């Protein structure tokens, strides 16, 4: 059984995996930077920032096709990003 701390660490890791996935696609990188207001320099500086992890997952969860592509590429269930978002303190319900 995972402890809340382990769940949070797993969620943070998933958020960073999602960031790497987003950055591998030039179009998604531009969309992410525009949507979050982050600069390319912020990506490294904020990589360990919990609020930034939330922003990454919120962005990914905006489009079901992105979720499917990310999860397929990472070998994850489609519910993983939403579960990670919840583990990081997300209270909003995503569809």
PDB file of N, CA and C in Angstrom:
ATOM      1  N   UNK A   1       0.845  -1.192   0.000  1.00  0.00           N
ATOM      2  CA  UNK A   1       0.000   0.000   0.000  1.00  0.00           C
ATOM      3  C   UNK A   1       0.889   1.254   0.000  1.00  0.00           C
ATOM      4  N   UNK A   2       0.567   2.164  -0.868  1.00  0.00           N
ATOM      5  CA  UNK A   2       1.361   3.386  -0.968  1.00  0.00           C
ATOM      6  C   UNK A   2       0.940   4.373   0.113  1.00  0.00           C
ATOM      7  N   UNK A   3       1.930   4.979   0.727  1.00  0.00           N
ATOM      8  CA  UNK A   3       1.662   6.033   1.700  1.00  0.00           C
ATOM      9  C   UNK A   3       1.360   7.320   0.940  1.00  0.00           C
ATOM     10  N   UNK A   4       0.737   8.295   1.609  1.00  0.00           N
ATOM     11  CA  UNK A   4       0.492   9.576   0.925  1.00  0.00           C
ATOM     12  C   UNK A   4       1.772  10.185   0.363  1.00  0.00           C
ATOM     13  N   UNK A   5       2.889  10.054   1.085  1.00  0.00           N
ATOM     14  CA  UNK A   5       4.166  10.593   0.594  1.00  0.00           C
ATOM     15  C   UNK A   5       4.609   9.872  -0.675  1.00  0.00           C
ATOM     16  N   UNK A   6       4.472   8.550  -0.692  1.00  0.00           N
ATOM     17  CA  UNK A   6       4.836   7.772  -1.885  1.00  0.00           C
ATOM     18  C   UNK A   6       3.936   8.133  -3.060  1.00  0.00           C
ATOM     19  N   UNK A   7       2.647   8.333  -2.797  1.00  0.00           N
ATOM     20  CA  UNK A   7       1.726   8.718  -3.860  1.00  0.00           C
ATOM     21  C   UNK A   7       2.116  10.065  -4.435  1.00  0.00           C
ATOM     22  N   UNK A   8       2.469  10.996  -3.559  1.00  0.00           N
ATOM     23  CA  UNK A   8       2.869  12.328  -4.006  1.00  0.00           C
ATOM     24  C   UNK A   8       4.148  12.258  -4.844  1.00  0.00           C
ATOM     25  N   UNK A   9       5.116  11.480  -4.392  1.00  0.00           N
ATOM     26  CA  UNK A   9       6.364  11.342  -5.141  1.00  0.00           C
ATOM     27  C   UNK A   9       6.124  10.685  -6.494  1.00  0.00           C
ATOM     28  N   UNK A  10       5.263   9.686  -6.541  1.00  0.00           N
ATOM     29  CA  UNK A  10       4.919   9.041  -7.816  1.00  0.00           C
ATOM     30  C   UNK A  10       4.223  10.026  -8.739  1.00  0.00           C
ATOM     31  N   UNK A  11       3.350  10.863  -8.170  1.00  0.00           N
ATOM     32  CA  UNK A  11       2.643  11.860  -8.965  1.00  0.00           C
ATOM     33  C   UNK A  11       3.602  12.904  -9.515  1.00  0.00           C
ATOM     34  N   UNK A  12       4.567  13.312  -8.708  1.00  0.00           N
ATOM     35  CA  UNK A  12       5.564  14.280  -9.168  1.00  0.00           C
ATOM     36  C   UNK A  12       6.404  13.689 -10.299  1.00  0.00           C
ATOM     37  N   UNK A  13       6.759  12.432 -10.158  1.00  0.00           N
ATOM     38  CA  UNK A  13       7.520  11.753 -11.207  1.00  0.00           C
ATOM     39  C   UNK A  13       6.710  11.677 -12.491  1.00  0.00           C
ATOM     40  N   UNK A  14       5.433  11.356 -12.375  1.00  0.00           N
ATOM     41  CA  UNK A  14       4.581  11.291 -13.562  1.00  0.00           C
ATOM     42  C   UNK A  14       4.480  12.667 -14.219  1.00  0.00           C
ATOM     43  N   UNK A  15       4.371  13.720 -13.416  1.00  0.00           N
ATOM     44  CA  UNK A  15       4.306  15.079 -13.971  1.00  0.00           C
ATOM     45  C   UNK A  15       5.577  15.401 -14.752  1.00  0.00           C
ATOM     46  N   UNK A  16       6.725  15.002 -14.232  1.00  0.00           N
ATOM     47  CA  UNK A  16       7.977  15.260 -14.945  1.00  0.00           C
ATOM     48  C   UNK A  16       8.077  14.421 -16.217  1.00  0.00           C
ATOM     49  N   UNK A  17       7.552  13.210 -16.174  1.00  0.00           N
ATOM     50  CA  UNK A  17       7.493  12.391 -17.396  1.00  0.00           C
ATOM     51  C   UNK A  17       6.591  13.062 -18.422  1.00  0.00           C
ATOM     52  N   UNK A  18       5.494  13.622 -17.955  1.00  0.00           N
ATOM     53  CA  UNK A  18       4.581  14.327 -18.863  1.00  0.00           C
ATOM     54  C   UNK A  18       5.258  15.556 -19.458  1.00  0.00           C
ATOM     55  N   UNK A  19       6.035  16.257 -18.642  1.00  0.00           N
ATOM     56  CA  UNK A  19       6.764  17.421 -19.156  1.00  0.00           C
ATOM     57  C   UNK A  19       7.738  16.996 -20.243  1.00  0.00           C
ATOM     58  N   UNK A  20       8.479  15.938 -20.015  1.00  0.00           N
ATOM     59  CA  UNK A  20       9.423  15.448 -21.026  1.00  0.00           C
ATOM     60  C   UNK A  20       8.687  15.069 -22.297  1.00  0.00           C
ATOM     61  N   UNK A  21       7.525  14.440 -22.149  1.00  0.00           N
ATOM     62  CA  UNK A  21       6.720  14.053 -23.312  1.00  0.00           C
ATOM     63  C   UNK A  21       6.258  15.297 -24.075  1.00  0.00           C
ATOM     64  N   UNK A  22       5.800  16.313 -23.344  1.00  0.00           N
ATOM     65  CA  UNK A  22       5.348  17.548 -23.986  1.00  0.00           C
ATOM     66  C   UNK A  22       6.491  18.228 -24.738  1.00  0.00           C
ATOM     67  N   UNK A  23       7.671  18.239 -24.120  1.00  0.00           N
ATOM     68  CA  UNK A  23       8.811  18.928 -24.714  1.00  0.00           C
ATOM     69  C   UNK A  23       9.353  18.221 -25.952  1.00  0.00           C
ATOM     70  N   UNK A  24       9.010  16.966 -26.108  1.00  0.00           N
ATOM     71  CA  UNK A  24       9.440  16.226 -27.294  1.00  0.00           C
ATOM     72  C   UNK A  24       8.641  16.632 -28.529  1.00  0.00           C
ATOM     73  N   UNK A  25       7.569  17.372 -28.333  1.00  0.00           N
ATOM     74  CA  UNK A  25       6.711  17.815 -29.435  1.00  0.00           C
ATOM     75  C   UNK A  25       6.747  19.341 -29.477  1.00  0.00           C
ATOM     76  N   UNK A  26       7.327  19.881 -30.534  1.00  0.00           N
ATOM     77  CA  UNK A  26       7.511  21.330 -30.638  1.00  0.00           C
ATOM     78  C   UNK A  26       6.193  22.100 -30.541  1.00  0.00           C
ATOM     79  N   UNK A  27       5.149  21.589 -31.184  1.00  0.00           N
ATOM     80  CA  UNK A  27       3.852  22.269 -31.152  1.00  0.00           C
ATOM     81  C   UNK A  27       3.283  22.282 -29.728  1.00  0.00           C
ATOM     82  N   UNK A  28       3.337  21.128 -29.054  1.00  0.00           N
ATOM     83  CA  UNK A  28       2.827  21.060 -27.687  1.00  0.00           C
ATOM     84  C   UNK A  28       3.662  21.915 -26.736  1.00  0.00           C
ATOM     85  N   UNK A  29       4.959  21.980 -26.981  1.00  0.00           N
ATOM     86  CA  UNK A  29       5.813  22.828 -26.147  1.00  0.00           C
ATOM     87  C   UNK A  29       5.350  24.271 -26.232  1.00  0.00           C
ATOM     88  N   UNK A  30       5.118  24.748 -27.445  1.00  0.00           N
ATOM     89  CA  UNK A  30       4.648  26.122 -27.627  1.00  0.00           C
ATOM     90  C   UNK A  30       3.302  26.358 -26.973  1.00  0.00           C
ATOM     91  N   UNK A  31       2.399  25.401 -27.128  1.00  0.00           N
ATOM     92  CA  UNK A  31       1.087  25.521 -26.499  1.00  0.00           C
ATOM     93  C   UNK A  31       1.211  25.540 -24.977  1.00  0.00           C
ATOM     94  N   UNK A  32       2.057  24.667 -24.437  1.00  0.00           N
ATOM     95  CA  UNK A  32       2.246  24.603 -22.995  1.00  0.00           C
ATOM     96  C   UNK A  32       2.822  25.910 -22.461  1.00  0.00           C
ATOM     97  N   UNK A  33       3.867  26.406 -23.111  1.00  0.00           N
ATOM     98  CA  UNK A  33       4.471  27.660 -22.665  1.00  0.00           C
ATOM     99  C   UNK A  33       3.465  28.802 -22.729  1.00  0.00           C
ATOM    100  N   UNK A  34       2.680  28.846 -23.792  1.00  0.00           N
ATOM    101  CA  UNK A  34       1.677  29.889 -23.919  1.00  0.00           C
ATOM    102  C   UNK A  34       0.577  29.771 -22.879  1.00  0.00           C
ATOM    103  N   UNK A  35       0.129  28.561 -22.621  1.00  0.00           N
ATOM    104  CA  UNK A  35      -0.970  28.346 -21.676  1.00  0.00           C
ATOM    105  C   UNK A  35      -0.550  28.612 -20.232  1.00  0.00           C
ATOM    106  N   UNK A  36       0.693  28.298 -19.898  1.00  0.00           N
ATOM    107  CA  UNK A  36       1.145  28.440 -18.521  1.00  0.00           C
ATOM    108  C   UNK A  36       1.843  29.769 -18.253  1.00  0.00           C
ATOM    109  N   UNK A  37       2.259  30.439 -19.315  1.00  0.00           N
ATOM    110  CA  UNK A  37       3.012  31.677 -19.144  1.00  0.00           C
ATOM    111  C   UNK A  37       4.455  31.425 -18.770  1.00  0.00           C
ATOM    112  N   UNK A  38       4.869  30.163 -18.816  1.00  0.00           N
ATOM    113  CA  UNK A  38       6.249  29.808 -18.487  1.00  0.00           C
ATOM    114  C   UNK A  38       7.159  30.144 -19.662  1.00  0.00           C
ATOM    115  N   UNK A  39       8.407  30.417 -19.337  1.00  0.00           N
ATOM    116  CA  UNK A  39       9.414  30.626 -20.370  1.00  0.00           C
ATOM    117  C   UNK A  39      10.258  29.355 -20.462  1.00  0.00           C
ATOM    118  N   UNK A  40      11.017  29.199 -21.539  1.00  0.00           N
ATOM    119  CA  UNK A  40      11.904  28.030 -21.606  1.00  0.00           C
ATOM    120  C   UNK A  40      12.833  27.924 -20.392  1.00  0.00           C
ATOM    121  N   UNK A  41      13.297  29.050 -19.869  1.00  0.00           N
ATOM    122  CA  UNK A  41      14.171  29.028 -18.694  1.00  0.00           C
ATOM    123  C   UNK A  41      13.429  28.519 -17.455  1.00  0.00           C
ATOM    124  N   UNK A  42      12.122  28.780 -17.394  1.00  0.00           N
ATOM    125  CA  UNK A  42      11.329  28.325 -16.248  1.00  0.00           C
ATOM    126  C   UNK A  42      11.248  26.808 -16.178  1.00  0.00           C
ATOM    127  N   UNK A  43      11.348  26.133 -17.304  1.00  0.00           N
ATOM    128  CA  UNK A  43      11.173  24.683 -17.323  1.00  0.00           C
ATOM    129  C   UNK A  43      12.163  23.994 -16.401  1.00  0.00           C
ATOM    130  N   UNK A  44      13.398  24.387 -16.469  1.00  0.00           N
ATOM    131  CA  UNK A  44      14.421  23.780 -15.604  1.00  0.00           C
ATOM    132  C   UNK A  44      14.302  24.329 -14.180  1.00  0.00           C
ATOM    133  N   UNK A  45      14.118  25.631 -14.065  1.00  0.00           N
ATOM    134  CA  UNK A  45      14.089  26.273 -12.750  1.00  0.00           C
ATOM    135  C   UNK A  45      12.920  25.788 -11.904  1.00  0.00           C
ATOM    136  N   UNK A  46      11.805  25.471 -12.550  1.00  0.00           N
ATOM    137  CA  UNK A  46      10.602  25.096 -11.796  1.00  0.00           C
ATOM    138  C   UNK A  46      10.316  23.596 -11.829  1.00  0.00           C
ATOM    139  N   UNK A  47      11.246  22.811 -12.307  1.00  0.00           N
ATOM    140  CA  UNK A  47      11.010  21.366 -12.449  1.00  0.00           C
ATOM    141  C   UNK A  47      10.679  20.685 -11.130  1.00  0.00           C
ATOM    142  N   UNK A  48      11.123  21.214 -10.012  1.00  0.00           N
ATOM    143  CA  UNK A  48      10.830  20.601  -8.715  1.00  0.00           C
ATOM    144  C   UNK A  48       9.722  21.333  -7.947  1.00  0.00           C
ATOM    145  N   UNK A  49       9.077  22.270  -8.593  1.00  0.00           N
ATOM    146  CA  UNK A  49       8.024  23.085  -7.980  1.00  0.00           C
ATOM    147  C   UNK A  49       6.679  22.362  -8.060  1.00  0.00           C
ATOM    148  N   UNK A  50       6.055  22.117  -6.916  1.00  0.00           N
ATOM    149  CA  UNK A  50       4.784  21.386  -6.866  1.00  0.00           C
ATOM    150  C   UNK A  50       3.694  22.088  -7.677  1.00  0.00           C
ATOM    151  N   UNK A  51       3.657  23.410  -7.637  1.00  0.00           N
ATOM    152  CA  UNK A  51       2.650  24.132  -8.422  1.00  0.00           C
ATOM    153  C   UNK A  51       2.876  23.939  -9.917  1.00  0.00           C
ATOM    154  N   UNK A  52       4.126  23.854 -10.305  1.00  0.00           N
ATOM    155  CA  UNK A  52       4.444  23.631 -11.717  1.00  0.00           C
ATOM    156  C   UNK A  52       4.013  22.225 -12.138  1.00  0.00           C
ATOM    157  N   UNK A  53       4.168  21.258 -11.247  1.00  0.00           N
ATOM    158  CA  UNK A  53       3.693  19.897 -11.539  1.00  0.00           C
ATOM    159  C   UNK A  53       2.193  19.904 -11.786  1.00  0.00           C
ATOM    160  N   UNK A  54       1.462  20.662 -10.987  1.00  0.00           N
ATOM    161  CA  UNK A  54       0.016  20.788 -11.194  1.00  0.00           C
ATOM    162  C   UNK A  54      -0.282  21.398 -12.557  1.00  0.00           C
ATOM    163  N   UNK A  55       0.476  22.428 -12.931  1.00  0.00           N
ATOM    164  CA  UNK A  55       0.265  23.083 -14.224  1.00  0.00           C
ATOM    165  C   UNK A  55       0.514  22.117 -15.377  1.00  0.00           C
ATOM    166  N   UNK A  56       1.535  21.293 -15.240  1.00  0.00           N
ATOM    167  CA  UNK A  56       1.854  20.306 -16.282  1.00  0.00           C
ATOM    168  C   UNK A  56       0.686  19.343 -16.445  1.00  0.00           C
ATOM    169  N   UNK A  57       0.217  18.792 -15.329  1.00  0.00           N
ATOM    170  CA  UNK A  57      -0.879  17.821 -15.403  1.00  0.00           C
ATOM    171  C   UNK A  57      -2.178  18.478 -15.841  1.00  0.00           C
ATOM    172  N   UNK A  58      -2.443  19.692 -15.366  1.00  0.00           N
ATOM    173  CA  UNK A  58      -3.646  20.403 -15.817  1.00  0.00           C
ATOM    174  C   UNK A  58      -3.624  20.586 -17.329  1.00  0.00           C
ATOM    175  N   UNK A  59      -2.468  20.960 -17.857  1.00  0.00           N
ATOM    176  CA  UNK A  59      -2.351  21.148 -19.303  1.00  0.00           C
ATOM    177  C   UNK A  59      -2.591  19.834 -20.031  1.00  0.00           C
ATOM    178  N   UNK A  60      -1.950  18.780 -19.612  1.00  0.00           N
ATOM    179  CA  UNK A  60      -2.113  17.475 -20.252  1.00  0.00           C
ATOM    180  C   UNK A  60      -3.571  17.039 -20.237  1.00  0.00           C
ATOM    181  N   UNK A  61      -4.240  17.269 -19.124  1.00  0.00           N
ATOM    182  CA  UNK A  61      -5.628  16.825 -18.971  1.00  0.00           C
ATOM    183  C   UNK A  61      -6.628  17.660 -19.773  1.00  0.00           C
ATOM    184  N   UNK A  62      -6.160  18.723 -20.408  1.00  0.00           N
ATOM    185  CA  UNK A  62      -7.049  19.553 -21.226  1.00  0.00           C
ATOM    186  C   UNK A  62      -7.537  18.840 -22.481  1.00  0.00           C
ATOM    187  N   UNK A  63      -6.827  17.824 -22.922  1.00  0.00           N
ATOM    188  CA  UNK A  63      -7.175  17.177 -24.186  1.00  0.00           C
ATOM    189  C   UNK A  63      -7.059  15.660 -24.043  1.00  0.00           C
ATOM    190  N   UNK A  64      -8.164  14.977 -24.257  1.00  0.00           N
ATOM    191  CA  UNK A  64      -8.168  13.517 -24.125  1.00  0.00           C
ATOM    192  C   UNK A  64      -7.171  12.854 -25.067  1.00  0.00           C
ATOM    193  N   UNK A  65      -6.974  13.412 -26.246  1.00  0.00           N
ATOM    194  CA  UNK A  65      -6.021  12.823 -27.194  1.00  0.00           C
ATOM    195  C   UNK A  65      -4.596  12.898 -26.650  1.00  0.00           C
ATOM    196  N   UNK A  66      -4.284  13.978 -25.948  1.00  0.00           N
ATOM    197  CA  UNK A  66      -2.956  14.098 -25.348  1.00  0.00           C
ATOM    198  C   UNK A  66      -2.786  13.049 -24.256  1.00  0.00           C
ATOM    199  N   UNK A  67      -3.836  12.880 -23.447  1.00  0.00           N
ATOM    200  CA  UNK A  67      -3.777  11.885 -22.367  1.00  0.00           C
ATOM    201  C   UNK A  67      -3.542  10.499 -22.952  1.00  0.00           C
ATOM    202  N   UNK A  68      -4.303  10.161 -23.984  1.00  0.00           N
ATOM    203  CA  UNK A  68      -4.172   8.840 -24.608  1.00  0.00           C
ATOM    204  C   UNK A  68      -2.771   8.662 -25.190  1.00  0.00           C
ATOM    205  N   UNK A  69      -2.294   9.660 -25.919  1.00  0.00           N
ATOM    206  CA  UNK A  69      -0.960   9.554 -26.534  1.00  0.00           C
ATOM    207  C   UNK A  69       0.132   9.441 -25.466  1.00  0.00           C
ATOM    208  N   UNK A  70       0.039  10.253 -24.435  1.00  0.00           N
ATOM    209  CA  UNK A  70       1.029  10.184 -23.353  1.00  0.00           C
ATOM    210  C   UNK A  70       0.999   8.822 -22.673  1.00  0.00           C
ATOM    211  N   UNK A  71      -0.178   8.375 -22.291  1.00  0.00           N
ATOM    212  CA  UNK A  71      -0.295   7.109 -21.568  1.00  0.00           C
ATOM    213  C   UNK A  71       0.124   5.930 -22.442  1.00  0.00           C
ATOM    214  N   UNK A  72      -0.257   5.952 -23.707  1.00  0.00           N
ATOM    215  CA  UNK A  72       0.168   4.879 -24.613  1.00  0.00           C
ATOM    216  C   UNK A  72       1.693   4.851 -24.734  1.00  0.00           C
ATOM    217  N   UNK A  73       2.294   6.004 -24.858  1.00  0.00           N
ATOM    218  CA  UNK A  73       3.741   6.087 -25.002  1.00  0.00           C
ATOM    219  C   UNK A  73       4.497   5.706 -23.741  1.00  0.00           C
ATOM    220  N   UNK A  74       3.851   5.861 -22.597  1.00  0.00           N
ATOM    221  CA  UNK A  74       4.506   5.579 -21.319  1.00  0.00           C
ATOM    222  C   UNK A  74       4.081   4.237 -20.722  1.00  0.00           C
ATOM    223  N   UNK A  75       3.139   3.566 -21.393  1.00  0.00           N
ATOM    224  CA  UNK A  75       2.656   2.289 -20.864  1.00  0.00           C
ATOM    225  C   UNK A  75       1.853   2.448 -19.588  1.00  0.00           C
ATOM    226  N   UNK A  76       1.084   3.517 -19.507  1.00  0.00           N
ATOM    227  CA  UNK A  76       0.297   3.822 -18.317  1.00  0.00           C
ATOM    228  C   UNK A  76      -1.193   3.681 -18.598  1.00  0.00           C
ATOM    229  N   UNK A  77      -1.980   3.406 -17.568  1.00  0.00           N
ATOM    230  CA  UNK A  77      -3.432   3.434 -17.761  1.00  0.00           C
ATOM    231  C   UNK A  77      -3.880   4.875 -17.990  1.00  0.00           C
ATOM    232  N   UNK A  78      -4.980   5.029 -18.710  1.00  0.00           N
ATOM    233  CA  UNK A  78      -5.450   6.375 -19.051  1.00  0.00           C
ATOM    234  C   UNK A  78      -5.860   7.193 -17.830  1.00  0.00           C
ATOM    235  N   UNK A  79      -6.082   6.558 -16.730  1.00  0.00           N
ATOM    236  CA  UNK A  79      -6.463   7.262 -15.507  1.00  0.00           C
ATOM    237  C   UNK A  79      -5.256   7.796 -14.730  1.00  0.00           C
ATOM    238  N   UNK A  80      -4.052   7.415 -15.109  1.00  0.00           N
ATOM    239  CA  UNK A  80      -2.853   7.790 -14.351  1.00  0.00           C
ATOM    240  C   UNK A  80      -2.673   9.304 -14.206  1.00  0.00           C
ATOM    241  N   UNK A  81      -2.812  10.106 -15.266  1.00  0.00           N
ATOM    242  CA  UNK A  81      -2.629  11.553 -15.076  1.00  0.00           C
ATOM    243  C   UNK A  81      -3.656  12.160 -14.117  1.00  0.00           C
ATOM    244  N   UNK A  82      -4.881  11.722 -14.192  1.00  0.00           N
ATOM    245  CA  UNK A  82      -5.912  12.252 -13.310  1.00  0.00           C
ATOM    246  C   UNK A  82      -5.638  11.842 -11.855  1.00  0.00           C
ATOM    247  N   UNK A  83      -5.195  10.604 -11.661  1.00  0.00           N
ATOM    248  CA  UNK A  83      -4.859  10.141 -10.318  1.00  0.00           C
ATOM    249  C   UNK A  83      -3.665  10.912  -9.773  1.00  0.00           C
ATOM    250  N   UNK A  84      -2.686  11.181 -10.621  1.00  0.00           N
ATOM    251  CA  UNK A  84      -1.525  11.959 -10.194  1.00  0.00           C
ATOM    252  C   UNK A  84      -1.950  13.376  -9.823  1.00  0.00           C
ATOM    253  N   UNK A  85      -2.829  13.943 -10.623  1.00  0.00           N
ATOM    254  CA  UNK A  85      -3.327  15.301 -10.340  1.00  0.00           C
ATOM    255  C   UNK A  85      -4.011  15.330  -8.977  1.00  0.00           C
ATOM    256  N   UNK A  86      -4.811  14.337  -8.691  1.00  0.00           N
ATOM    257  CA  UNK A  86      -5.504  14.267  -7.404  1.00  0.00           C
ATOM    258  C   UNK A  86      -4.503  14.090  -6.257  1.00  0.00           C
ATOM    259  N   UNK A  87      -3.470  13.297  -6.460  1.00  0.00           N
ATOM    260  CA  UNK A  87      -2.467  13.053  -5.420  1.00  0.00           C
ATOM    261  C   UNK A  87      -1.670  14.312  -5.095  1.00  0.00           C
ATOM    262  N   UNK A  88      -1.596  15.219  -6.053  1.00  0.00           N
ATOM    263  CA  UNK A  88      -0.866  16.472  -5.837  1.00  0.00           C
ATOM    264  C   UNK A  88      -1.755  17.568  -5.256  1.00  0.00           C
ATOM    265  N   UNK A  89      -2.963  17.209  -4.912  1.00  0.00           N
ATOM    266  CA  UNK A  89      -3.846  18.193  -4.299  1.00  0.00           C
ATOM    267  C   UNK A  89      -4.924  18.696  -5.224  1.00  0.00           C
ATOM    268  N   UNK A  90      -5.080  18.060  -6.356  1.00  0.00           N
ATOM    269  CA  UNK A  90      -6.117  18.468  -7.283  1.00  0.00           C
ATOM    270  C   UNK A  90      -7.490  18.102  -6.760  1.00  0.00           C
ATOM    271  N   UNK A  91      -8.360  19.084  -6.724  1.00  0.00           N
ATOM    272  CA  UNK A  91      -9.717  18.825  -6.266  1.00  0.00           C
ATOM    273  C   UNK A  91     -10.727  18.978  -7.382  1.00  0.00           C
ATOM    274  N   UNK A  92     -10.281  19.499  -8.502  1.00  0.00           N
ATOM    275  CA  UNK A  92     -11.195  19.671  -9.620  1.00  0.00           C
ATOM    276  C   UNK A  92     -11.460  18.340 -10.284  1.00  0.00           C
ATOM    277  N   UNK A  93     -12.652  18.205 -10.787  1.00  0.00           N
ATOM    278  CA  UNK A  93     -13.009  16.960 -11.483  1.00  0.00           C
ATOM    279  C   UNK A  93     -12.768  17.142 -12.974  1.00  0.00           C
ATOM    280  N   UNK A  94     -12.037  16.186 -13.571  1.00  0.00           N
ATOM    281  CA  UNK A  94     -11.725  16.232 -14.995  1.00  0.00           C
ATOM    282  C   UNK A  94     -12.505  15.146 -15.701  1.00  0.00           C
ATOM    283  N   UNK A  95     -12.876  15.426 -16.927  1.00  0.00           N
ATOM    284  CA  UNK A  95     -13.618  14.456 -17.744  1.00  0.00           C
ATOM    285  C   UNK A  95     -12.798  14.048 -18.929  1.00  0.00           C
TER     286      UNK A  95
END
